[in-house]
Full PDB file with SEQRES, HELIX, SHEET, SSBOND, CRYST1, ORIGX, SCALE, CONECT and MASTER records, all heavy atoms in Angstrom:
SEQRES   1 A   41  GLU GLU ALA THR PHE TRP VAL PHE ARG HIS TYR GLY PHE          
SEQRES   2 A   41  GLN SER GLY ARG ASP THR ASP LYS PHE ALA GLY ILE PRO          
SEQRES   3 A   41  GLU ASN ARG THR GLU ASN GLY LEU ARG TYR ILE ASP GLY          
SEQRES   4 A   41  CYS THR                                                      
HELIX    1 AA1 PHE A    5  VAL A    7  1                                   3    
HELIX    2 AA2 PHE A    8  GLY A   12  3                                   5    
CRYST1    1.000    1.000    1.000  90.00  90.00  90.00 P 1           1          
ORIGX1      1.000000  0.000000  0.000000        0.00000                         
ORIGX2      0.000000  1.000000  0.000000        0.00000                         
ORIGX3      0.000000  0.000000  1.000000        0.00000                         
SCALE1      1.000000  0.000000  0.000000        0.00000                         
SCALE2      0.000000  1.000000  0.000000        0.00000                         
SCALE3      0.000000  0.000000  1.000000        0.00000                         
ATOM      1  N   GLU A   1      17.683   5.483 -10.287  1.00  0.00           N  
ATOM      2  CA  GLU A   1      18.009   4.345  -9.426  1.00  0.00           C  
ATOM      3  C   GLU A   1      17.201   4.369  -8.137  1.00  0.00           C  
ATOM      4  O   GLU A   1      17.124   3.370  -7.436  1.00  0.00           O  
ATOM      5  CB  GLU A   1      19.508   4.322  -9.117  1.00  0.00           C  
ATOM      6  CG  GLU A   1      20.359   3.944 -10.305  1.00  0.00           C  
ATOM      7  CD  GLU A   1      21.839   3.860  -9.978  1.00  0.00           C  
ATOM      8  OE1 GLU A   1      22.257   4.252  -8.855  1.00  0.00           O  
ATOM      9  OE2 GLU A   1      22.598   3.413 -10.855  1.00  0.00           O  
ATOM     10  N   GLU A   2      16.594   5.497  -7.800  1.00  0.00           N  
ATOM     11  CA  GLU A   2      15.772   5.601  -6.598  1.00  0.00           C  
ATOM     12  C   GLU A   2      14.390   4.966  -6.772  1.00  0.00           C  
ATOM     13  O   GLU A   2      13.669   4.775  -5.804  1.00  0.00           O  
ATOM     14  CB  GLU A   2      15.608   7.070  -6.192  1.00  0.00           C  
ATOM     15  CG  GLU A   2      16.915   7.768  -5.885  1.00  0.00           C  
ATOM     16  CD  GLU A   2      17.708   7.074  -4.778  1.00  0.00           C  
ATOM     17  OE1 GLU A   2      17.122   6.741  -3.734  1.00  0.00           O  
ATOM     18  OE2 GLU A   2      18.909   6.857  -4.976  1.00  0.00           O  
ATOM     19  N   ALA A   3      14.010   4.659  -8.009  1.00  0.00           N  
ATOM     20  CA  ALA A   3      12.703   4.047  -8.260  1.00  0.00           C  
ATOM     21  C   ALA A   3      12.636   2.682  -7.595  1.00  0.00           C  
ATOM     22  O   ALA A   3      13.581   1.908  -7.648  1.00  0.00           O  
ATOM     23  CB  ALA A   3      12.454   3.923  -9.762  1.00  0.00           C  
ATOM     24  N   THR A   4      11.514   2.399  -6.964  1.00  0.00           N  
ATOM     25  CA  THR A   4      11.313   1.115  -6.298  1.00  0.00           C  
ATOM     26  C   THR A   4      10.590   0.153  -7.241  1.00  0.00           C  
ATOM     27  O   THR A   4      10.090   0.558  -8.293  1.00  0.00           O  
ATOM     28  CB  THR A   4      10.462   1.292  -5.031  1.00  0.00           C  
ATOM     29  OG1 THR A   4       9.161   1.753  -5.423  1.00  0.00           O  
ATOM     30  CG2 THR A   4      11.108   2.272  -4.072  1.00  0.00           C  
ATOM     31  N   PHE A   5      10.506  -1.112  -6.851  1.00  0.00           N  
ATOM     32  CA  PHE A   5       9.782  -2.072  -7.676  1.00  0.00           C  
ATOM     33  C   PHE A   5       8.314  -1.675  -7.786  1.00  0.00           C  
ATOM     34  O   PHE A   5       7.687  -1.884  -8.814  1.00  0.00           O  
ATOM     35  CB  PHE A   5       9.908  -3.496  -7.122  1.00  0.00           C  
ATOM     36  CG  PHE A   5       9.292  -4.516  -8.049  1.00  0.00           C  
ATOM     37  CD1 PHE A   5       9.882  -4.804  -9.272  1.00  0.00           C  
ATOM     38  CD2 PHE A   5       8.118  -5.167  -7.711  1.00  0.00           C  
ATOM     39  CE1 PHE A   5       9.314  -5.717 -10.140  1.00  0.00           C  
ATOM     40  CE2 PHE A   5       7.545  -6.088  -8.581  1.00  0.00           C  
ATOM     41  CZ  PHE A   5       8.153  -6.371  -9.799  1.00  0.00           C  
ATOM     42  N   TRP A   6       7.763  -1.057  -6.740  1.00  0.00           N  
ATOM     43  CA  TRP A   6       6.373  -0.586  -6.795  1.00  0.00           C  
ATOM     44  C   TRP A   6       6.186   0.362  -7.978  1.00  0.00           C  
ATOM     45  O   TRP A   6       5.196   0.280  -8.704  1.00  0.00           O  
ATOM     46  CB  TRP A   6       5.993   0.113  -5.489  1.00  0.00           C  
ATOM     47  CG  TRP A   6       4.559   0.539  -5.476  1.00  0.00           C  
ATOM     48  CD1 TRP A   6       3.503  -0.177  -5.024  1.00  0.00           C  
ATOM     49  CD2 TRP A   6       4.033   1.778  -5.959  1.00  0.00           C  
ATOM     50  NE1 TRP A   6       2.340   0.534  -5.207  1.00  0.00           N  
ATOM     51  CE2 TRP A   6       2.642   1.738  -5.779  1.00  0.00           C  
ATOM     52  CE3 TRP A   6       4.591   2.909  -6.540  1.00  0.00           C  
ATOM     53  CZ2 TRP A   6       1.812   2.790  -6.143  1.00  0.00           C  
ATOM     54  CZ3 TRP A   6       3.758   3.949  -6.909  1.00  0.00           C  
ATOM     55  CH2 TRP A   6       2.391   3.882  -6.711  1.00  0.00           C  
ATOM     56  N   VAL A   7       7.139   1.249  -8.193  1.00  0.00           N  
ATOM     57  CA  VAL A   7       7.057   2.195  -9.311  1.00  0.00           C  
ATOM     58  C   VAL A   7       7.067   1.430 -10.634  1.00  0.00           C  
ATOM     59  O   VAL A   7       6.254   1.695 -11.517  1.00  0.00           O  
ATOM     60  CB  VAL A   7       8.210   3.223  -9.260  1.00  0.00           C  
ATOM     61  CG1 VAL A   7       8.258   4.056 -10.534  1.00  0.00           C  
ATOM     62  CG2 VAL A   7       8.074   4.108  -8.043  1.00  0.00           C  
ATOM     63  N   PHE A   8       7.966   0.447 -10.775  1.00  0.00           N  
ATOM     64  CA  PHE A   8       8.016  -0.328 -12.014  1.00  0.00           C  
ATOM     65  C   PHE A   8       6.724  -1.108 -12.225  1.00  0.00           C  
ATOM     66  O   PHE A   8       6.187  -1.151 -13.318  1.00  0.00           O  
ATOM     67  CB  PHE A   8       9.204  -1.303 -11.993  1.00  0.00           C  
ATOM     68  CG  PHE A   8      10.496  -0.644 -12.329  1.00  0.00           C  
ATOM     69  CD1 PHE A   8      11.259  -0.045 -11.338  1.00  0.00           C  
ATOM     70  CD2 PHE A   8      10.949  -0.595 -13.630  1.00  0.00           C  
ATOM     71  CE1 PHE A   8      12.455   0.567 -11.642  1.00  0.00           C  
ATOM     72  CE2 PHE A   8      12.148   0.021 -13.948  1.00  0.00           C  
ATOM     73  CZ  PHE A   8      12.899   0.600 -12.951  1.00  0.00           C  
ATOM     74  N   ARG A   9       6.218  -1.727 -11.176  1.00  0.00           N  
ATOM     75  CA  ARG A   9       5.025  -2.563 -11.317  1.00  0.00           C  
ATOM     76  C   ARG A   9       3.790  -1.742 -11.657  1.00  0.00           C  
ATOM     77  O   ARG A   9       2.982  -2.138 -12.483  1.00  0.00           O  
ATOM     78  CB  ARG A   9       4.798  -3.345 -10.033  1.00  0.00           C  
ATOM     79  CG  ARG A   9       3.659  -4.298 -10.158  1.00  0.00           C  
ATOM     80  CD  ARG A   9       3.651  -5.308  -9.068  1.00  0.00           C  
ATOM     81  NE  ARG A   9       2.625  -6.281  -9.360  1.00  0.00           N  
ATOM     82  CZ  ARG A   9       2.300  -7.231  -8.561  1.00  0.00           C  
ATOM     83  NH1 ARG A   9       2.930  -7.372  -7.416  1.00  0.00           N  
ATOM     84  NH2 ARG A   9       1.364  -8.070  -8.872  1.00  0.00           N  
ATOM     85  N   HIS A  10       3.628  -0.595 -11.011  1.00  0.00           N  
ATOM     86  CA  HIS A  10       2.414   0.187 -11.203  1.00  0.00           C  
ATOM     87  C   HIS A  10       2.549   1.277 -12.254  1.00  0.00           C  
ATOM     88  O   HIS A  10       1.561   1.860 -12.658  1.00  0.00           O  
ATOM     89  CB  HIS A  10       1.981   0.808  -9.876  1.00  0.00           C  
ATOM     90  CG  HIS A  10       1.578  -0.226  -8.880  1.00  0.00           C  
ATOM     91  ND1 HIS A  10       0.353  -0.846  -8.907  1.00  0.00           N  
ATOM     92  CD2 HIS A  10       2.249  -0.784  -7.865  1.00  0.00           C  
ATOM     93  CE1 HIS A  10       0.283  -1.723  -7.933  1.00  0.00           C  
ATOM     94  NE2 HIS A  10       1.432  -1.710  -7.288  1.00  0.00           N  
ATOM     95  N   TYR A  11       3.756   1.551 -12.699  1.00  0.00           N  
ATOM     96  CA  TYR A  11       3.970   2.638 -13.645  1.00  0.00           C  
ATOM     97  C   TYR A  11       4.651   2.120 -14.910  1.00  0.00           C  
ATOM     98  O   TYR A  11       4.172   2.333 -16.006  1.00  0.00           O  
ATOM     99  CB  TYR A  11       4.813   3.711 -12.963  1.00  0.00           C  
ATOM    100  CG  TYR A  11       5.210   4.863 -13.826  1.00  0.00           C  
ATOM    101  CD1 TYR A  11       4.276   5.763 -14.305  1.00  0.00           C  
ATOM    102  CD2 TYR A  11       6.542   5.069 -14.142  1.00  0.00           C  
ATOM    103  CE1 TYR A  11       4.654   6.842 -15.085  1.00  0.00           C  
ATOM    104  CE2 TYR A  11       6.924   6.147 -14.920  1.00  0.00           C  
ATOM    105  CZ  TYR A  11       5.981   7.022 -15.394  1.00  0.00           C  
ATOM    106  OH  TYR A  11       6.364   8.074 -16.161  1.00  0.00           O  
ATOM    107  N   GLY A  12       5.739   1.402 -14.743  1.00  0.00           N  
ATOM    108  CA  GLY A  12       6.495   0.934 -15.895  1.00  0.00           C  
ATOM    109  C   GLY A  12       5.894  -0.263 -16.595  1.00  0.00           C  
ATOM    110  O   GLY A  12       5.897  -0.329 -17.818  1.00  0.00           O  
ATOM    111  N   PHE A  13       5.350  -1.235 -15.851  1.00  0.00           N  
ATOM    112  CA  PHE A  13       4.830  -2.452 -16.462  1.00  0.00           C  
ATOM    113  C   PHE A  13       3.349  -2.349 -16.783  1.00  0.00           C  
ATOM    114  O   PHE A  13       2.805  -3.196 -17.458  1.00  0.00           O  
ATOM    115  CB  PHE A  13       5.031  -3.658 -15.539  1.00  0.00           C  
ATOM    116  CG  PHE A  13       6.467  -3.975 -15.272  1.00  0.00           C  
ATOM    117  CD1 PHE A  13       6.869  -4.377 -14.016  1.00  0.00           C  
ATOM    118  CD2 PHE A  13       7.422  -3.879 -16.270  1.00  0.00           C  
ATOM    119  CE1 PHE A  13       8.190  -4.681 -13.764  1.00  0.00           C  
ATOM    120  CE2 PHE A  13       8.748  -4.169 -16.024  1.00  0.00           C  
ATOM    121  CZ  PHE A  13       9.128  -4.578 -14.763  1.00  0.00           C  
ATOM    122  N   GLN A  14       2.674  -1.357 -16.261  1.00  0.00           N  
ATOM    123  CA  GLN A  14       1.225  -1.262 -16.410  1.00  0.00           C  
ATOM    124  C   GLN A  14       0.872  -0.382 -17.597  1.00  0.00           C  
ATOM    125  O   GLN A  14       1.408   0.702 -17.758  1.00  0.00           O  
ATOM    126  CB  GLN A  14       0.613  -0.686 -15.130  1.00  0.00           C  
ATOM    127  CG  GLN A  14      -0.885  -0.622 -15.138  1.00  0.00           C  
ATOM    128  CD  GLN A  14      -1.421  -0.125 -13.810  1.00  0.00           C  
ATOM    129  OE1 GLN A  14      -0.735  -0.119 -12.809  1.00  0.00           O  
ATOM    130  NE2 GLN A  14      -2.652   0.296 -13.811  1.00  0.00           N  
ATOM    131  N   SER A  15      -0.051  -0.864 -18.400  1.00  0.00           N  
ATOM    132  CA  SER A  15      -0.512  -0.070 -19.532  1.00  0.00           C  
ATOM    133  C   SER A  15      -1.566   0.909 -19.060  1.00  0.00           C  
ATOM    134  O   SER A  15      -2.342   0.609 -18.158  1.00  0.00           O  
ATOM    135  CB  SER A  15      -1.116  -0.994 -20.595  1.00  0.00           C  
ATOM    136  OG  SER A  15      -1.754  -0.237 -21.584  1.00  0.00           O  
ATOM    137  N   GLY A  16      -1.610   2.073 -19.665  1.00  0.00           N  
ATOM    138  CA  GLY A  16      -2.635   3.051 -19.344  1.00  0.00           C  
ATOM    139  C   GLY A  16      -3.930   2.798 -20.090  1.00  0.00           C  
ATOM    140  O   GLY A  16      -4.867   3.574 -19.992  1.00  0.00           O  
ATOM    141  N   ARG A  17      -4.017   1.694 -20.836  1.00  0.00           N  
ATOM    142  CA  ARG A  17      -5.186   1.406 -21.661  1.00  0.00           C  
ATOM    143  C   ARG A  17      -6.440   1.196 -20.833  1.00  0.00           C  
ATOM    144  O   ARG A  17      -7.488   1.758 -21.122  1.00  0.00           O  
ATOM    145  CB  ARG A  17      -4.921   0.182 -22.524  1.00  0.00           C  
ATOM    146  CG  ARG A  17      -6.048  -0.117 -23.499  1.00  0.00           C  
ATOM    147  CD  ARG A  17      -5.738  -1.373 -24.246  1.00  0.00           C  
ATOM    148  NE  ARG A  17      -6.064  -2.497 -23.392  1.00  0.00           N  
ATOM    149  CZ  ARG A  17      -6.706  -3.566 -23.787  1.00  0.00           C  
ATOM    150  NH1 ARG A  17      -7.062  -3.695 -25.036  1.00  0.00           N  
ATOM    151  NH2 ARG A  17      -6.968  -4.542 -22.958  1.00  0.00           N  
ATOM    152  N   ASP A  18      -6.366   0.362 -19.813  1.00  0.00           N  
ATOM    153  CA  ASP A  18      -7.552  -0.005 -19.046  1.00  0.00           C  
ATOM    154  C   ASP A  18      -7.672   0.718 -17.720  1.00  0.00           C  
ATOM    155  O   ASP A  18      -8.692   0.646 -17.062  1.00  0.00           O  
ATOM    156  CB  ASP A  18      -7.553  -1.520 -18.770  1.00  0.00           C  
ATOM    157  CG  ASP A  18      -7.595  -2.324 -20.054  1.00  0.00           C  
ATOM    158  OD1 ASP A  18      -8.332  -1.916 -20.972  1.00  0.00           O  
ATOM    159  OD2 ASP A  18      -6.891  -3.328 -20.138  1.00  0.00           O  
ATOM    160  N   THR A  19      -6.628   1.363 -17.299  1.00  0.00           N  
ATOM    161  CA  THR A  19      -6.627   1.969 -15.979  1.00  0.00           C  
ATOM    162  C   THR A  19      -5.738   3.203 -15.977  1.00  0.00           C  
ATOM    163  O   THR A  19      -4.886   3.351 -16.842  1.00  0.00           O  
ATOM    164  CB  THR A  19      -6.128   0.945 -14.932  1.00  0.00           C  
ATOM    165  OG1 THR A  19      -6.170   1.544 -13.649  1.00  0.00           O  
ATOM    166  CG2 THR A  19      -4.714   0.501 -15.209  1.00  0.00           C  
ATOM    167  N   ASP A  20      -5.962   4.080 -15.017  1.00  0.00           N  
ATOM    168  CA  ASP A  20      -5.089   5.241 -14.875  1.00  0.00           C  
ATOM    169  C   ASP A  20      -3.904   4.827 -14.021  1.00  0.00           C  
ATOM    170  O   ASP A  20      -4.015   4.710 -12.801  1.00  0.00           O  
ATOM    171  CB  ASP A  20      -5.848   6.410 -14.237  1.00  0.00           C  
ATOM    172  CG  ASP A  20      -4.974   7.640 -14.077  1.00  0.00           C  
ATOM    173  OD1 ASP A  20      -3.811   7.628 -14.532  1.00  0.00           O  
ATOM    174  OD2 ASP A  20      -5.461   8.613 -13.481  1.00  0.00           O  
ATOM    175  N   LYS A  21      -2.766   4.584 -14.647  1.00  0.00           N  
ATOM    176  CA  LYS A  21      -1.610   4.105 -13.902  1.00  0.00           C  
ATOM    177  C   LYS A  21      -1.037   5.144 -12.965  1.00  0.00           C  
ATOM    178  O   LYS A  21      -0.207   4.847 -12.142  1.00  0.00           O  
ATOM    179  CB  LYS A  21      -0.550   3.544 -14.843  1.00  0.00           C  
ATOM    180  CG  LYS A  21       0.087   4.541 -15.783  1.00  0.00           C  
ATOM    181  CD  LYS A  21       1.041   3.788 -16.687  1.00  0.00           C  
ATOM    182  CE  LYS A  21       1.715   4.668 -17.687  1.00  0.00           C  
ATOM    183  NZ  LYS A  21       2.608   3.898 -18.545  1.00  0.00           N  
ATOM    184  N   PHE A  22      -1.482   6.393 -13.077  1.00  0.00           N  
ATOM    185  CA  PHE A  22      -1.025   7.445 -12.176  1.00  0.00           C  
ATOM    186  C   PHE A  22      -1.978   7.637 -10.987  1.00  0.00           C  
ATOM    187  O   PHE A  22      -1.759   8.529 -10.180  1.00  0.00           O  
ATOM    188  CB  PHE A  22      -0.883   8.769 -12.932  1.00  0.00           C  
ATOM    189  CG  PHE A  22       0.266   8.781 -13.902  1.00  0.00           C  
ATOM    190  CD1 PHE A  22       0.071   8.411 -15.218  1.00  0.00           C  
ATOM    191  CD2 PHE A  22       1.536   9.152 -13.501  1.00  0.00           C  
ATOM    192  CE1 PHE A  22       1.119   8.421 -16.129  1.00  0.00           C  
ATOM    193  CE2 PHE A  22       2.588   9.169 -14.398  1.00  0.00           C  
ATOM    194  CZ  PHE A  22       2.377   8.794 -15.708  1.00  0.00           C  
ATOM    195  N   ALA A  23      -3.035   6.814 -10.893  1.00  0.00           N  
ATOM    196  CA  ALA A  23      -4.001   6.964  -9.807  1.00  0.00           C  
ATOM    197  C   ALA A  23      -3.291   6.837  -8.457  1.00  0.00           C  
ATOM    198  O   ALA A  23      -2.484   5.942  -8.240  1.00  0.00           O  
ATOM    199  CB  ALA A  23      -5.100   5.919  -9.917  1.00  0.00           C  
ATOM    200  N   GLY A  24      -3.571   7.756  -7.546  1.00  0.00           N  
ATOM    201  CA  GLY A  24      -2.975   7.726  -6.216  1.00  0.00           C  
ATOM    202  C   GLY A  24      -1.593   8.348  -6.141  1.00  0.00           C  
ATOM    203  O   GLY A  24      -0.993   8.411  -5.078  1.00  0.00           O  
ATOM    204  N   ILE A  25      -1.067   8.807  -7.273  1.00  0.00           N  
ATOM    205  CA  ILE A  25       0.244   9.440  -7.317  1.00  0.00           C  
ATOM    206  C   ILE A  25       0.015  10.922  -7.611  1.00  0.00           C  
ATOM    207  O   ILE A  25      -0.727  11.252  -8.536  1.00  0.00           O  
ATOM    208  CB  ILE A  25       1.124   8.820  -8.421  1.00  0.00           C  
ATOM    209  CG1 ILE A  25       1.339   7.334  -8.149  1.00  0.00           C  
ATOM    210  CG2 ILE A  25       2.457   9.540  -8.523  1.00  0.00           C  
ATOM    211  CD1 ILE A  25       2.025   6.598  -9.281  1.00  0.00           C  
ATOM    212  N   PRO A  26       0.626  11.813  -6.836  1.00  0.00           N  
ATOM    213  CA  PRO A  26       0.457  13.238  -7.148  1.00  0.00           C  
ATOM    214  C   PRO A  26       0.838  13.507  -8.600  1.00  0.00           C  
ATOM    215  O   PRO A  26       1.879  13.066  -9.067  1.00  0.00           O  
ATOM    216  CB  PRO A  26       1.426  13.944  -6.191  1.00  0.00           C  
ATOM    217  CG  PRO A  26       1.670  12.957  -5.096  1.00  0.00           C  
ATOM    218  CD  PRO A  26       1.513  11.590  -5.699  1.00  0.00           C  
ATOM    219  N   GLU A  27      -0.049  14.193  -9.310  1.00  0.00           N  
ATOM    220  CA  GLU A  27       0.182  14.418 -10.735  1.00  0.00           C  
ATOM    221  C   GLU A  27       1.210  15.506 -10.963  1.00  0.00           C  
ATOM    222  O   GLU A  27       1.107  16.607 -10.449  1.00  0.00           O  
ATOM    223  CB  GLU A  27      -1.129  14.788 -11.413  1.00  0.00           C  
ATOM    224  CG  GLU A  27      -0.983  14.915 -12.906  1.00  0.00           C  
ATOM    225  CD  GLU A  27      -2.310  15.043 -13.606  1.00  0.00           C  
ATOM    226  OE1 GLU A  27      -3.100  14.095 -13.546  1.00  0.00           O  
ATOM    227  OE2 GLU A  27      -2.537  16.104 -14.209  1.00  0.00           O  
ATOM    228  N   ASN A  28       2.208  15.172 -11.744  1.00  0.00           N  
ATOM    229  CA  ASN A  28       3.221  16.113 -12.177  1.00  0.00           C  
ATOM    230  C   ASN A  28       3.230  16.095 -13.692  1.00  0.00           C  
ATOM    231  O   ASN A  28       3.149  15.037 -14.307  1.00  0.00           O  
ATOM    232  CB  ASN A  28       4.607  15.708 -11.657  1.00  0.00           C  
ATOM    233  CG  ASN A  28       4.687  15.787 -10.155  1.00  0.00           C  
ATOM    234  OD1 ASN A  28       4.561  16.854  -9.594  1.00  0.00           O  
ATOM    235  ND2 ASN A  28       4.882  14.648  -9.516  1.00  0.00           N  
ATOM    236  N   ARG A  29       3.332  17.271 -14.293  1.00  0.00           N  
ATOM    237  CA  ARG A  29       3.370  17.374 -15.747  1.00  0.00           C  
ATOM    238  C   ARG A  29       4.409  18.406 -16.165  1.00  0.00           C  
ATOM    239  O   ARG A  29       4.620  19.390 -15.482  1.00  0.00           O  
ATOM    240  CB  ARG A  29       2.009  17.793 -16.303  1.00  0.00           C  
ATOM    241  CG  ARG A  29       0.939  16.738 -16.177  1.00  0.00           C  
ATOM    242  CD  ARG A  29      -0.360  17.233 -16.822  1.00  0.00           C  
ATOM    243  NE  ARG A  29      -1.408  16.261 -16.722  1.00  0.00           N  
ATOM    244  CZ  ARG A  29      -1.741  15.407 -17.687  1.00  0.00           C  
ATOM    245  NH1 ARG A  29      -1.104  15.432 -18.824  1.00  0.00           N  
ATOM    246  NH2 ARG A  29      -2.717  14.542 -17.522  1.00  0.00           N  
ATOM    247  N   THR A  30       5.018  18.147 -17.327  1.00  0.00           N  
ATOM    248  CA  THR A  30       5.893  19.154 -17.918  1.00  0.00           C  
ATOM    249  C   THR A  30       5.005  20.240 -18.526  1.00  0.00           C  
ATOM    250  O   THR A  30       3.780  20.093 -18.567  1.00  0.00           O  
ATOM    251  CB  THR A  30       6.784  18.542 -19.027  1.00  0.00           C  
ATOM    252  OG1 THR A  30       5.946  18.115 -20.102  1.00  0.00           O  
ATOM    253  CG2 THR A  30       7.615  17.389 -18.505  1.00  0.00           C  
ATOM    254  N   GLU A  31       5.618  21.292 -19.030  1.00  0.00           N  
ATOM    255  CA  GLU A  31       4.852  22.378 -19.654  1.00  0.00           C  
ATOM    256  C   GLU A  31       4.013  21.886 -20.819  1.00  0.00           C  
ATOM    257  O   GLU A  31       2.953  22.425 -21.105  1.00  0.00           O  
ATOM    258  CB  GLU A  31       5.786  23.497 -20.145  1.00  0.00           C  
ATOM    259  CG  GLU A  31       6.560  24.202 -19.056  1.00  0.00           C  
ATOM    260  CD  GLU A  31       7.793  23.422 -18.604  1.00  0.00           C  
ATOM    261  OE1 GLU A  31       8.310  22.551 -19.359  1.00  0.00           O  
ATOM    262  OE2 GLU A  31       8.242  23.670 -17.468  1.00  0.00           O  
ATOM    263  N   ASN A  32       4.468  20.846 -21.503  1.00  0.00           N  
ATOM    264  CA  ASN A  32       3.731  20.309 -22.650  1.00  0.00           C  
ATOM    265  C   ASN A  32       2.806  19.155 -22.276  1.00  0.00           C  
ATOM    266  O   ASN A  32       2.255  18.498 -23.150  1.00  0.00           O  
ATOM    267  CB  ASN A  32       4.696  19.858 -23.742  1.00  0.00           C  
ATOM    268  CG  ASN A  32       5.383  21.018 -24.396  1.00  0.00           C  
ATOM    269  OD1 ASN A  32       4.867  22.130 -24.408  1.00  0.00           O  
ATOM    270  ND2 ASN A  32       6.565  20.790 -24.944  1.00  0.00           N  
ATOM    271  N   GLY A  33       2.661  18.871 -20.983  1.00  0.00           N  
ATOM    272  CA  GLY A  33       1.680  17.875 -20.544  1.00  0.00           C  
ATOM    273  C   GLY A  33       2.182  16.473 -20.310  1.00  0.00           C  
ATOM    274  O   GLY A  33       1.387  15.590 -19.983  1.00  0.00           O  
ATOM    275  N   LEU A  34       3.489  16.209 -20.454  1.00  0.00           N  
ATOM    276  CA  LEU A  34       3.990  14.862 -20.187  1.00  0.00           C  
ATOM    277  C   LEU A  34       3.911  14.573 -18.688  1.00  0.00           C  
ATOM    278  O   LEU A  34       4.379  15.359 -17.871  1.00  0.00           O  
ATOM    279  CB  LEU A  34       5.437  14.714 -20.661  1.00  0.00           C  
ATOM    280  CG  LEU A  34       5.666  14.822 -22.166  1.00  0.00           C  
ATOM    281  CD1 LEU A  34       7.154  14.720 -22.471  1.00  0.00           C  
ATOM    282  CD2 LEU A  34       4.906  13.758 -22.914  1.00  0.00           C  
ATOM    283  N   ARG A  35       3.307  13.439 -18.329  1.00  0.00           N  
ATOM    284  CA  ARG A  35       3.156  13.073 -16.924  1.00  0.00           C  
ATOM    285  C   ARG A  35       4.390  12.316 -16.446  1.00  0.00           C  
ATOM    286  O   ARG A  35       5.003  11.574 -17.198  1.00  0.00           O  
ATOM    287  CB  ARG A  35       1.910  12.203 -16.745  1.00  0.00           C  
ATOM    288  CG  ARG A  35       0.642  12.962 -17.067  1.00  0.00           C  
ATOM    289  CD  ARG A  35      -0.536  12.053 -17.133  1.00  0.00           C  
ATOM    290  NE  ARG A  35      -1.080  11.889 -15.795  1.00  0.00           N  
ATOM    291  CZ  ARG A  35      -2.171  11.185 -15.535  1.00  0.00           C  
ATOM    292  NH1 ARG A  35      -2.811  10.575 -16.494  1.00  0.00           N  
ATOM    293  NH2 ARG A  35      -2.615  11.079 -14.300  1.00  0.00           N  
ATOM    294  N   TYR A  36       4.720  12.501 -15.161  1.00  0.00           N  
ATOM    295  CA  TYR A  36       5.868  11.804 -14.585  1.00  0.00           C  
ATOM    296  C   TYR A  36       5.698  11.685 -13.082  1.00  0.00           C  
ATOM    297  O   TYR A  36       4.889  12.376 -12.476  1.00  0.00           O  
ATOM    298  CB  TYR A  36       7.183  12.510 -14.932  1.00  0.00           C  
ATOM    299  CG  TYR A  36       7.324  13.904 -14.357  1.00  0.00           C  
ATOM    300  CD1 TYR A  36       7.944  14.108 -13.136  1.00  0.00           C  
ATOM    301  CD2 TYR A  36       6.844  15.019 -15.041  1.00  0.00           C  
ATOM    302  CE1 TYR A  36       8.068  15.382 -12.603  1.00  0.00           C  
ATOM    303  CE2 TYR A  36       6.971  16.291 -14.530  1.00  0.00           C  
ATOM    304  CZ  TYR A  36       7.589  16.466 -13.301  1.00  0.00           C  
ATOM    305  OH  TYR A  36       7.718  17.726 -12.776  1.00  0.00           O  
ATOM    306  N   ILE A  37       6.498  10.794 -12.480  1.00  0.00           N  
ATOM    307  CA  ILE A  37       6.491  10.593 -11.035  1.00  0.00           C  
ATOM    308  C   ILE A  37       7.669  11.367 -10.460  1.00  0.00           C  
ATOM    309  O   ILE A  37       8.831  11.082 -10.781  1.00  0.00           O  
ATOM    310  CB  ILE A  37       6.600   9.101 -10.672  1.00  0.00           C  
ATOM    311  CG1 ILE A  37       5.395   8.345 -11.226  1.00  0.00           C  
ATOM    312  CG2 ILE A  37       6.692   8.914  -9.166  1.00  0.00           C  
ATOM    313  CD1 ILE A  37       5.464   6.856 -11.020  1.00  0.00           C  
ATOM    314  N   ASP A  38       7.384  12.342  -9.628  1.00  0.00           N  
ATOM    315  CA  ASP A  38       8.416  13.176  -9.030  1.00  0.00           C  
ATOM    316  C   ASP A  38       9.318  12.332  -8.127  1.00  0.00           C  
ATOM    317  O   ASP A  38       8.854  11.477  -7.391  1.00  0.00           O  
ATOM    318  CB  ASP A  38       7.756  14.305  -8.214  1.00  0.00           C  
ATOM    319  CG  ASP A  38       8.730  15.401  -7.863  1.00  0.00           C  
ATOM    320  OD1 ASP A  38       9.618  15.672  -8.693  1.00  0.00           O  
ATOM    321  OD2 ASP A  38       8.595  15.975  -6.773  1.00  0.00           O  
ATOM    322  N   GLY A  39      10.611  12.565  -8.198  1.00  0.00           N  
ATOM    323  CA  GLY A  39      11.567  11.861  -7.352  1.00  0.00           C  
ATOM    324  C   GLY A  39      12.025  10.534  -7.922  1.00  0.00           C  
ATOM    325  O   GLY A  39      12.994   9.961  -7.443  1.00  0.00           O  
ATOM    326  N   CYS A  40      11.346  10.011  -8.945  1.00  0.00           N  
ATOM    327  CA  CYS A  40      11.720   8.732  -9.554  1.00  0.00           C  
ATOM    328  C   CYS A  40      12.026   8.869 -11.038  1.00  0.00           C  
ATOM    329  O   CYS A  40      12.435   7.913 -11.672  1.00  0.00           O  
ATOM    330  CB  CYS A  40      10.592   7.717  -9.395  1.00  0.00           C  
ATOM    331  SG  CYS A  40      10.245   7.248  -7.707  1.00  0.00           S  
ATOM    332  N   THR A  41      11.816  10.054 -11.591  1.00  0.00           N  
ATOM    333  CA  THR A  41      11.996  10.259 -13.025  1.00  0.00           C  
ATOM    334  C   THR A  41      13.025  11.360 -13.232  1.00  0.00           C  
ATOM    335  O   THR A  41      12.894  12.427 -12.667  1.00  0.00           O  
ATOM    336  CB  THR A  41      10.658  10.684 -13.685  1.00  0.00           C  
ATOM    337  OG1 THR A  41       9.626   9.810 -13.257  1.00  0.00           O  
ATOM    338  CG2 THR A  41      10.763  10.660 -15.187  1.00  0.00           C  
TER     339      THR A  41                                                      
MASTER        0    0    0    2    0    0    0    6  338    1    0    4          
END                                                                             
């Protein structure tokens, strides 16, 4: 519930096909490599 509309627009609604949707966001990964946004996931 802490996720803002910015997170949805740039992360949830954006496809990673043409662009890196994580650009400008500190990269966080699980041990198996799944990317996520810290504090919103």
